[in-house]
């Protein structure tokens, strides 16, 4: 189905036709509706593109929440990549420490404890044993990928 904007400003800024795509996701038993200016691909391809877009959005949300990237220091592609790679490397190193020490805490919790104890000279085992950190969201491990579940 093709549609056009009818509002004064909308029509002025985007006068071209748009395509309304409906997609039924059998797995979720849910219908999705997309508006696109791409006319030459199938409805399934449109749905897959939007799904991939949301995976990217979810990845950046996860980065901001768990790795505390609030803004990018540079604006070039290389600067953004370096900052993301550095944050992911940090997260992976902490996950390895968490696994090796068998801490029984979420990776997010370990990152939080380490971030507030950067200048502390306490042994890591003692640091984790003496720190009580309770956050209901993290207690249920929401939105946290686990690197060691195979």
N, C-alpha and C. Protein backbone atom coordinates (compact mmCIF):
# COMPACT_ATOMS: atom_id res chain seq x y z
N UNK A 1 0.85 -1.17 0.00
CA UNK A 1 0.00 0.00 0.00
C UNK A 1 0.90 1.24 0.00
N UNK A 2 0.57 2.21 -0.81
CA UNK A 2 1.34 3.46 -0.84
C UNK A 2 0.52 4.55 -0.17
N UNK A 3 1.24 5.45 0.49
CA UNK A 3 0.60 6.55 1.21
C UNK A 3 1.41 7.83 0.95
N UNK A 4 0.77 8.94 1.23
CA UNK A 4 1.43 10.25 1.16
C UNK A 4 1.06 11.02 2.42
N UNK A 5 1.98 11.87 2.85
CA UNK A 5 1.67 12.75 3.96
C UNK A 5 0.66 13.79 3.49
N UNK A 6 -0.27 14.15 4.40
CA UNK A 6 -1.28 15.14 4.03
C UNK A 6 -1.17 16.41 4.85
N UNK A 7 -0.44 16.37 5.93
CA UNK A 7 -0.26 17.57 6.75
C UNK A 7 0.53 18.62 5.98
N UNK A 8 0.29 19.89 6.26
CA UNK A 8 0.93 20.98 5.53
C UNK A 8 2.45 20.86 5.59
N UNK A 9 3.02 20.79 6.79
CA UNK A 9 4.49 20.71 6.91
C UNK A 9 5.03 19.37 6.44
N UNK A 10 4.36 18.29 6.79
CA UNK A 10 4.81 16.96 6.39
C UNK A 10 4.86 16.84 4.88
N UNK A 11 3.80 17.29 4.23
CA UNK A 11 3.71 17.23 2.78
C UNK A 11 4.77 18.10 2.13
N UNK A 12 5.04 19.23 2.74
CA UNK A 12 6.05 20.16 2.21
C UNK A 12 7.45 19.56 2.29
N UNK A 13 7.78 18.94 3.42
CA UNK A 13 9.13 18.41 3.62
C UNK A 13 9.34 17.02 3.02
N UNK A 14 8.27 16.26 2.83
CA UNK A 14 8.41 14.95 2.18
C UNK A 14 7.21 14.71 1.28
N UNK A 15 7.27 15.23 0.05
CA UNK A 15 6.12 15.12 -0.86
C UNK A 15 6.02 13.76 -1.57
N UNK A 16 7.06 12.92 -1.48
CA UNK A 16 7.08 11.66 -2.21
C UNK A 16 6.14 10.63 -1.57
N UNK A 17 5.86 9.58 -2.36
CA UNK A 17 5.05 8.47 -1.86
C UNK A 17 5.85 7.62 -0.88
N UNK A 18 5.16 7.06 0.08
CA UNK A 18 5.75 6.12 1.02
C UNK A 18 5.01 4.79 0.91
N UNK A 19 5.65 3.77 1.38
CA UNK A 19 5.08 2.43 1.34
C UNK A 19 4.75 1.99 2.76
N UNK A 20 3.53 1.56 2.97
CA UNK A 20 3.11 1.03 4.26
C UNK A 20 3.23 -0.49 4.17
N UNK A 21 4.05 -1.05 5.04
CA UNK A 21 4.32 -2.49 5.01
C UNK A 21 3.82 -3.10 6.32
N UNK A 22 3.04 -4.13 6.19
CA UNK A 22 2.58 -4.88 7.37
C UNK A 22 3.25 -6.24 7.32
N UNK A 23 3.74 -6.66 8.49
CA UNK A 23 4.44 -7.94 8.56
C UNK A 23 3.96 -8.69 9.80
N UNK A 24 3.54 -9.93 9.62
CA UNK A 24 3.10 -10.77 10.74
C UNK A 24 4.28 -11.62 11.19
N UNK A 25 4.67 -11.45 12.45
CA UNK A 25 5.74 -12.26 13.03
C UNK A 25 5.11 -13.46 13.71
N UNK A 26 5.28 -14.60 13.10
CA UNK A 26 4.67 -15.84 13.61
C UNK A 26 5.23 -16.22 14.98
N UNK A 27 6.52 -15.96 15.18
CA UNK A 27 7.17 -16.31 16.44
C UNK A 27 6.59 -15.53 17.61
N UNK A 28 6.37 -14.22 17.41
CA UNK A 28 5.84 -13.37 18.47
C UNK A 28 4.32 -13.25 18.44
N UNK A 29 3.70 -13.80 17.38
CA UNK A 29 2.25 -13.69 17.19
C UNK A 29 1.83 -12.23 17.25
N UNK A 30 2.52 -11.42 16.44
CA UNK A 30 2.33 -9.97 16.49
C UNK A 30 2.51 -9.37 15.10
N UNK A 31 1.70 -8.36 14.80
CA UNK A 31 1.84 -7.67 13.53
C UNK A 31 2.67 -6.41 13.72
N UNK A 32 3.59 -6.18 12.78
CA UNK A 32 4.40 -4.98 12.77
C UNK A 32 4.03 -4.15 11.55
N UNK A 33 3.99 -2.84 11.70
CA UNK A 33 3.67 -1.94 10.60
C UNK A 33 4.84 -0.99 10.42
N UNK A 34 5.35 -0.92 9.19
CA UNK A 34 6.50 -0.07 8.89
C UNK A 34 6.14 0.91 7.78
N UNK A 35 6.74 2.08 7.85
CA UNK A 35 6.60 3.08 6.82
C UNK A 35 7.97 3.25 6.19
N UNK A 36 8.07 3.06 4.87
CA UNK A 36 9.37 3.12 4.21
C UNK A 36 9.26 3.83 2.87
N UNK A 37 10.38 4.36 2.42
CA UNK A 37 10.41 4.97 1.09
C UNK A 37 11.06 4.01 0.08
N UNK A 38 11.37 2.80 0.51
CA UNK A 38 11.96 1.79 -0.35
C UNK A 38 10.84 0.96 -0.97
N UNK A 39 10.73 1.06 -2.27
CA UNK A 39 9.62 0.40 -2.96
C UNK A 39 10.02 -0.93 -3.60
N UNK A 40 11.31 -1.19 -3.75
CA UNK A 40 11.76 -2.31 -4.56
C UNK A 40 12.13 -3.59 -3.78
N UNK A 41 11.91 -3.62 -2.48
CA UNK A 41 12.24 -4.83 -1.72
C UNK A 41 10.96 -5.42 -1.13
N UNK A 42 11.05 -6.68 -0.75
CA UNK A 42 9.86 -7.37 -0.23
C UNK A 42 9.53 -6.91 1.19
N UNK A 43 8.33 -7.25 1.62
CA UNK A 43 7.90 -6.93 2.99
C UNK A 43 8.79 -7.62 4.02
N UNK A 44 9.18 -8.85 3.72
CA UNK A 44 10.07 -9.59 4.61
C UNK A 44 11.41 -8.88 4.75
N UNK A 45 11.95 -8.38 3.64
CA UNK A 45 13.23 -7.67 3.70
C UNK A 45 13.10 -6.38 4.50
N UNK A 46 12.00 -5.68 4.35
CA UNK A 46 11.77 -4.45 5.14
C UNK A 46 11.74 -4.81 6.63
N UNK A 47 11.02 -5.87 6.99
CA UNK A 47 10.93 -6.29 8.39
C UNK A 47 12.30 -6.68 8.92
N UNK A 48 13.10 -7.39 8.13
CA UNK A 48 14.44 -7.79 8.56
C UNK A 48 15.35 -6.58 8.75
N UNK A 49 15.24 -5.59 7.86
CA UNK A 49 16.04 -4.37 8.00
C UNK A 49 15.70 -3.64 9.30
N UNK A 50 14.40 -3.52 9.60
CA UNK A 50 14.00 -2.87 10.85
C UNK A 50 14.44 -3.68 12.07
N UNK A 51 14.35 -4.99 11.96
CA UNK A 51 14.80 -5.84 13.07
C UNK A 51 16.29 -5.62 13.33
N UNK A 52 17.08 -5.59 12.25
CA UNK A 52 18.53 -5.35 12.40
C UNK A 52 18.80 -3.96 12.95
N UNK A 53 18.00 -3.00 12.53
CA UNK A 53 18.17 -1.63 13.06
C UNK A 53 17.94 -1.61 14.56
N UNK A 54 16.93 -2.34 15.03
CA UNK A 54 16.65 -2.36 16.46
C UNK A 54 17.73 -3.10 17.23
N UNK A 55 18.36 -4.08 16.61
CA UNK A 55 19.49 -4.75 17.27
C UNK A 55 20.63 -3.76 17.47
N UNK A 56 20.87 -2.92 16.48
CA UNK A 56 21.91 -1.88 16.60
C UNK A 56 21.53 -0.89 17.70
N UNK A 57 20.26 -0.46 17.71
CA UNK A 57 19.79 0.46 18.75
C UNK A 57 19.95 -0.17 20.14
N UNK A 58 19.59 -1.44 20.25
CA UNK A 58 19.71 -2.14 21.53
C UNK A 58 21.18 -2.22 21.96
N UNK A 59 22.08 -2.48 20.99
CA UNK A 59 23.50 -2.54 21.28
C UNK A 59 23.99 -1.21 21.84
N UNK A 60 23.61 -0.08 21.23
CA UNK A 60 24.05 1.22 21.72
C UNK A 60 23.42 1.55 23.08
N UNK A 61 22.18 1.14 23.28
CA UNK A 61 21.55 1.34 24.60
C UNK A 61 22.32 0.56 25.66
N UNK A 62 22.67 -0.70 25.31
CA UNK A 62 23.43 -1.53 26.25
C UNK A 62 24.79 -0.89 26.54
N UNK A 63 25.46 -0.38 25.49
CA UNK A 63 26.76 0.30 25.67
C UNK A 63 26.63 1.46 26.64
N UNK A 64 25.61 2.28 26.43
CA UNK A 64 25.44 3.46 27.28
C UNK A 64 25.14 3.07 28.71
N UNK A 65 24.31 2.05 28.91
CA UNK A 65 23.92 1.66 30.27
C UNK A 65 25.02 0.93 31.01
N UNK A 66 25.68 -0.01 30.35
CA UNK A 66 26.61 -0.88 31.05
C UNK A 66 28.07 -0.43 30.97
N UNK A 67 28.44 0.23 29.90
CA UNK A 67 29.82 0.65 29.77
C UNK A 67 29.98 2.14 30.01
N UNK A 68 28.88 2.77 30.34
CA UNK A 68 28.87 4.19 30.71
C UNK A 68 29.42 5.09 29.61
N UNK A 69 29.15 4.76 28.37
CA UNK A 69 29.49 5.66 27.27
C UNK A 69 28.32 6.62 27.12
N UNK A 70 28.52 7.84 27.59
CA UNK A 70 27.45 8.84 27.52
C UNK A 70 27.55 9.64 26.23
N UNK A 71 28.77 9.85 25.77
CA UNK A 71 28.96 10.56 24.51
C UNK A 71 30.27 10.08 23.90
N UNK A 72 30.40 10.28 22.62
CA UNK A 72 31.62 9.89 21.94
C UNK A 72 32.60 11.04 21.95
N UNK A 73 33.86 10.74 22.23
CA UNK A 73 34.89 11.77 22.34
C UNK A 73 35.25 12.35 20.98
N UNK A 74 35.13 11.56 19.94
CA UNK A 74 35.43 12.04 18.60
C UNK A 74 34.22 11.87 17.71
N UNK A 75 34.29 12.46 16.54
CA UNK A 75 33.16 12.40 15.62
C UNK A 75 33.46 11.57 14.38
N UNK A 76 34.71 11.18 14.22
CA UNK A 76 35.03 10.37 13.04
C UNK A 76 34.66 8.92 13.31
N UNK A 77 34.50 8.16 12.23
CA UNK A 77 34.18 6.74 12.38
C UNK A 77 35.26 6.03 13.18
N UNK A 78 36.51 6.37 12.91
CA UNK A 78 37.62 5.72 13.61
C UNK A 78 37.58 6.01 15.11
N UNK A 79 37.30 7.26 15.48
CA UNK A 79 37.25 7.62 16.90
C UNK A 79 36.13 6.86 17.63
N UNK A 80 34.98 6.75 16.99
CA UNK A 80 33.85 6.03 17.59
C UNK A 80 34.19 4.55 17.72
N UNK A 81 34.77 3.98 16.68
CA UNK A 81 35.15 2.56 16.74
C UNK A 81 36.15 2.30 17.87
N UNK A 82 37.17 3.14 17.98
CA UNK A 82 38.19 2.97 19.03
C UNK A 82 37.54 3.02 20.41
N UNK A 83 36.65 3.97 20.63
CA UNK A 83 36.00 4.09 21.93
C UNK A 83 35.12 2.88 22.23
N UNK A 84 34.39 2.40 21.24
CA UNK A 84 33.53 1.23 21.44
C UNK A 84 34.39 -0.01 21.69
N UNK A 85 35.44 -0.20 20.87
CA UNK A 85 36.31 -1.37 21.05
C UNK A 85 36.97 -1.35 22.43
N UNK A 86 37.42 -0.18 22.86
CA UNK A 86 38.06 -0.08 24.19
C UNK A 86 37.06 -0.45 25.28
N UNK A 87 35.83 0.03 25.15
CA UNK A 87 34.80 -0.28 26.16
C UNK A 87 34.46 -1.77 26.16
N UNK A 88 34.37 -2.37 24.98
CA UNK A 88 34.06 -3.80 24.89
C UNK A 88 35.22 -4.62 25.46
N UNK A 89 36.46 -4.22 25.16
CA UNK A 89 37.62 -4.93 25.71
C UNK A 89 37.61 -4.86 27.23
N UNK A 90 37.31 -3.70 27.77
CA UNK A 90 37.22 -3.54 29.22
C UNK A 90 36.15 -4.46 29.79
N UNK A 91 34.99 -4.48 29.17
CA UNK A 91 33.90 -5.33 29.62
C UNK A 91 34.31 -6.80 29.59
N UNK A 92 34.96 -7.21 28.50
CA UNK A 92 35.38 -8.62 28.37
C UNK A 92 36.42 -8.99 29.42
N UNK A 93 37.37 -8.10 29.68
CA UNK A 93 38.37 -8.37 30.72
C UNK A 93 37.71 -8.52 32.09
N UNK A 94 36.76 -7.66 32.38
CA UNK A 94 36.04 -7.76 33.65
C UNK A 94 35.24 -9.06 33.71
N UNK A 95 34.63 -9.44 32.59
CA UNK A 95 33.87 -10.70 32.55
C UNK A 95 34.79 -11.89 32.79
N UNK A 96 35.99 -11.84 32.26
CA UNK A 96 36.96 -12.92 32.47
C UNK A 96 37.36 -12.99 33.94
N UNK A 97 37.62 -11.82 34.54
CA UNK A 97 37.95 -11.79 35.98
C UNK A 97 36.78 -12.33 36.79
N UNK A 98 35.58 -11.92 36.43
CA UNK A 98 34.37 -12.40 37.13
C UNK A 98 34.28 -13.92 37.05
N UNK A 99 34.51 -14.46 35.88
CA UNK A 99 34.41 -15.91 35.69
C UNK A 99 35.54 -16.63 36.44
N UNK A 100 36.77 -16.16 36.31
CA UNK A 100 37.91 -16.81 36.95
C UNK A 100 37.81 -16.78 38.47
N UNK A 101 37.31 -15.67 39.01
CA UNK A 101 37.20 -15.55 40.46
C UNK A 101 35.91 -16.17 40.99
N UNK A 102 35.03 -16.60 40.09
CA UNK A 102 33.75 -17.20 40.47
C UNK A 102 33.03 -16.34 41.50
N UNK A 103 32.78 -15.09 41.10
CA UNK A 103 32.27 -14.11 42.04
C UNK A 103 30.79 -14.27 42.39
N UNK A 104 30.00 -14.81 41.52
CA UNK A 104 28.57 -14.92 41.81
C UNK A 104 27.87 -13.58 41.74
N UNK A 105 28.43 -12.66 41.01
CA UNK A 105 27.85 -11.33 40.80
C UNK A 105 27.69 -11.12 39.30
N UNK A 106 26.80 -10.19 38.94
CA UNK A 106 26.66 -9.88 37.52
C UNK A 106 27.89 -9.10 37.06
N UNK A 107 28.13 -9.15 35.76
CA UNK A 107 29.26 -8.39 35.20
C UNK A 107 29.05 -6.91 35.44
N UNK A 108 27.83 -6.46 35.34
CA UNK A 108 27.52 -5.05 35.61
C UNK A 108 27.90 -4.68 37.04
N UNK A 109 27.58 -5.54 37.97
CA UNK A 109 27.89 -5.30 39.38
C UNK A 109 29.41 -5.22 39.58
N UNK A 110 30.14 -6.14 38.96
CA UNK A 110 31.61 -6.13 39.06
C UNK A 110 32.16 -4.83 38.49
N UNK A 111 31.64 -4.41 37.34
CA UNK A 111 32.08 -3.13 36.75
C UNK A 111 31.81 -1.96 37.70
N UNK A 112 30.64 -1.96 38.33
CA UNK A 112 30.30 -0.88 39.26
C UNK A 112 31.27 -0.84 40.44
N UNK A 113 31.54 -2.01 41.00
CA UNK A 113 32.45 -2.07 42.16
C UNK A 113 33.85 -1.61 41.76
N UNK A 114 34.32 -2.06 40.62
CA UNK A 114 35.65 -1.66 40.17
C UNK A 114 35.71 -0.17 39.86
N UNK A 115 34.64 0.36 39.29
CA UNK A 115 34.66 1.78 38.92
C UNK A 115 34.70 2.70 40.14
N UNK A 116 34.14 2.28 41.26
CA UNK A 116 34.20 3.12 42.46
C UNK A 116 35.43 2.81 43.31
N UNK A 117 36.22 1.84 42.88
CA UNK A 117 37.39 1.42 43.66
C UNK A 117 38.68 1.50 42.86
N UNK A 118 38.72 2.37 41.86
CA UNK A 118 39.88 2.43 40.96
C UNK A 118 41.19 2.72 41.69
N UNK A 119 41.15 3.55 42.71
CA UNK A 119 42.38 3.91 43.41
C UNK A 119 42.57 3.13 44.71
N UNK A 120 41.66 2.22 44.96
CA UNK A 120 41.74 1.40 46.18
C UNK A 120 42.81 0.32 46.00
N UNK A 121 43.65 0.14 47.00
CA UNK A 121 44.72 -0.87 46.92
C UNK A 121 44.33 -2.19 47.57
N UNK A 122 43.05 -2.36 47.83
CA UNK A 122 42.55 -3.59 48.45
C UNK A 122 42.65 -4.75 47.46
N UNK A 123 42.99 -5.92 47.97
CA UNK A 123 43.01 -7.12 47.16
C UNK A 123 41.63 -7.31 46.54
N UNK A 124 41.58 -7.76 45.28
CA UNK A 124 40.30 -7.89 44.59
C UNK A 124 39.32 -8.80 45.31
N UNK A 125 39.79 -9.93 45.79
CA UNK A 125 38.91 -10.87 46.49
C UNK A 125 38.30 -10.17 47.72
N UNK A 126 39.14 -9.47 48.49
CA UNK A 126 38.63 -8.75 49.67
C UNK A 126 37.66 -7.64 49.27
N UNK A 127 37.98 -6.96 48.18
CA UNK A 127 37.12 -5.87 47.70
C UNK A 127 35.72 -6.40 47.37
N UNK A 128 35.65 -7.51 46.68
CA UNK A 128 34.35 -8.06 46.31
C UNK A 128 33.63 -8.68 47.50
N UNK A 129 34.37 -9.21 48.44
CA UNK A 129 33.75 -9.79 49.63
C UNK A 129 33.16 -8.72 50.54
N UNK A 130 33.81 -7.56 50.63
CA UNK A 130 33.34 -6.53 51.57
C UNK A 130 32.31 -5.59 50.95
N UNK A 131 32.17 -5.58 49.63
CA UNK A 131 31.26 -4.65 48.98
C UNK A 131 29.89 -5.29 48.81
N UNK A 132 28.90 -4.64 49.37
CA UNK A 132 27.51 -5.07 49.23
C UNK A 132 26.86 -4.15 48.22
N UNK A 133 26.39 -4.70 47.15
CA UNK A 133 25.81 -3.91 46.07
C UNK A 133 24.52 -4.58 45.68
N UNK A 134 23.42 -3.93 45.93
CA UNK A 134 22.13 -4.54 45.60
C UNK A 134 21.35 -3.57 44.71
N UNK A 135 21.05 -4.04 43.55
CA UNK A 135 20.25 -3.28 42.60
C UNK A 135 19.25 -4.27 42.02
N UNK A 136 17.97 -4.05 42.25
CA UNK A 136 16.95 -5.02 41.84
C UNK A 136 17.01 -5.32 40.35
N UNK A 137 17.24 -4.31 39.53
CA UNK A 137 17.31 -4.53 38.09
C UNK A 137 18.44 -5.49 37.77
N UNK A 138 19.58 -5.28 38.39
CA UNK A 138 20.73 -6.14 38.11
C UNK A 138 20.60 -7.48 38.83
N UNK A 139 19.88 -7.50 39.92
CA UNK A 139 19.68 -8.76 40.64
C UNK A 139 19.01 -9.80 39.73
N UNK A 140 18.11 -9.32 38.89
CA UNK A 140 17.43 -10.22 37.97
C UNK A 140 18.14 -10.33 36.63
N UNK A 141 19.30 -9.69 36.50
CA UNK A 141 20.16 -9.79 35.32
C UNK A 141 19.45 -9.41 34.02
N UNK A 142 18.70 -8.33 34.06
CA UNK A 142 18.01 -7.88 32.86
C UNK A 142 18.99 -7.23 31.90
N UNK A 143 18.80 -7.44 30.62
CA UNK A 143 19.57 -6.79 29.56
C UNK A 143 21.07 -7.07 29.62
N UNK A 144 21.48 -8.17 30.19
CA UNK A 144 22.91 -8.46 30.27
C UNK A 144 23.25 -9.72 29.51
N UNK A 145 24.06 -9.56 28.48
CA UNK A 145 24.52 -10.78 27.80
C UNK A 145 25.50 -11.52 28.69
N UNK A 146 25.52 -12.82 28.60
CA UNK A 146 26.45 -13.61 29.39
C UNK A 146 27.45 -14.23 28.43
N UNK A 147 28.72 -13.92 28.62
CA UNK A 147 29.76 -14.38 27.72
C UNK A 147 30.10 -15.85 27.90
N UNK A 148 29.69 -16.47 29.00
CA UNK A 148 30.17 -17.80 29.31
C UNK A 148 29.08 -18.87 29.32
N UNK A 149 27.91 -18.59 28.82
CA UNK A 149 26.89 -19.63 28.70
C UNK A 149 27.01 -20.26 27.33
N UNK A 150 27.39 -21.52 27.30
CA UNK A 150 27.55 -22.21 26.01
C UNK A 150 26.50 -23.26 25.86
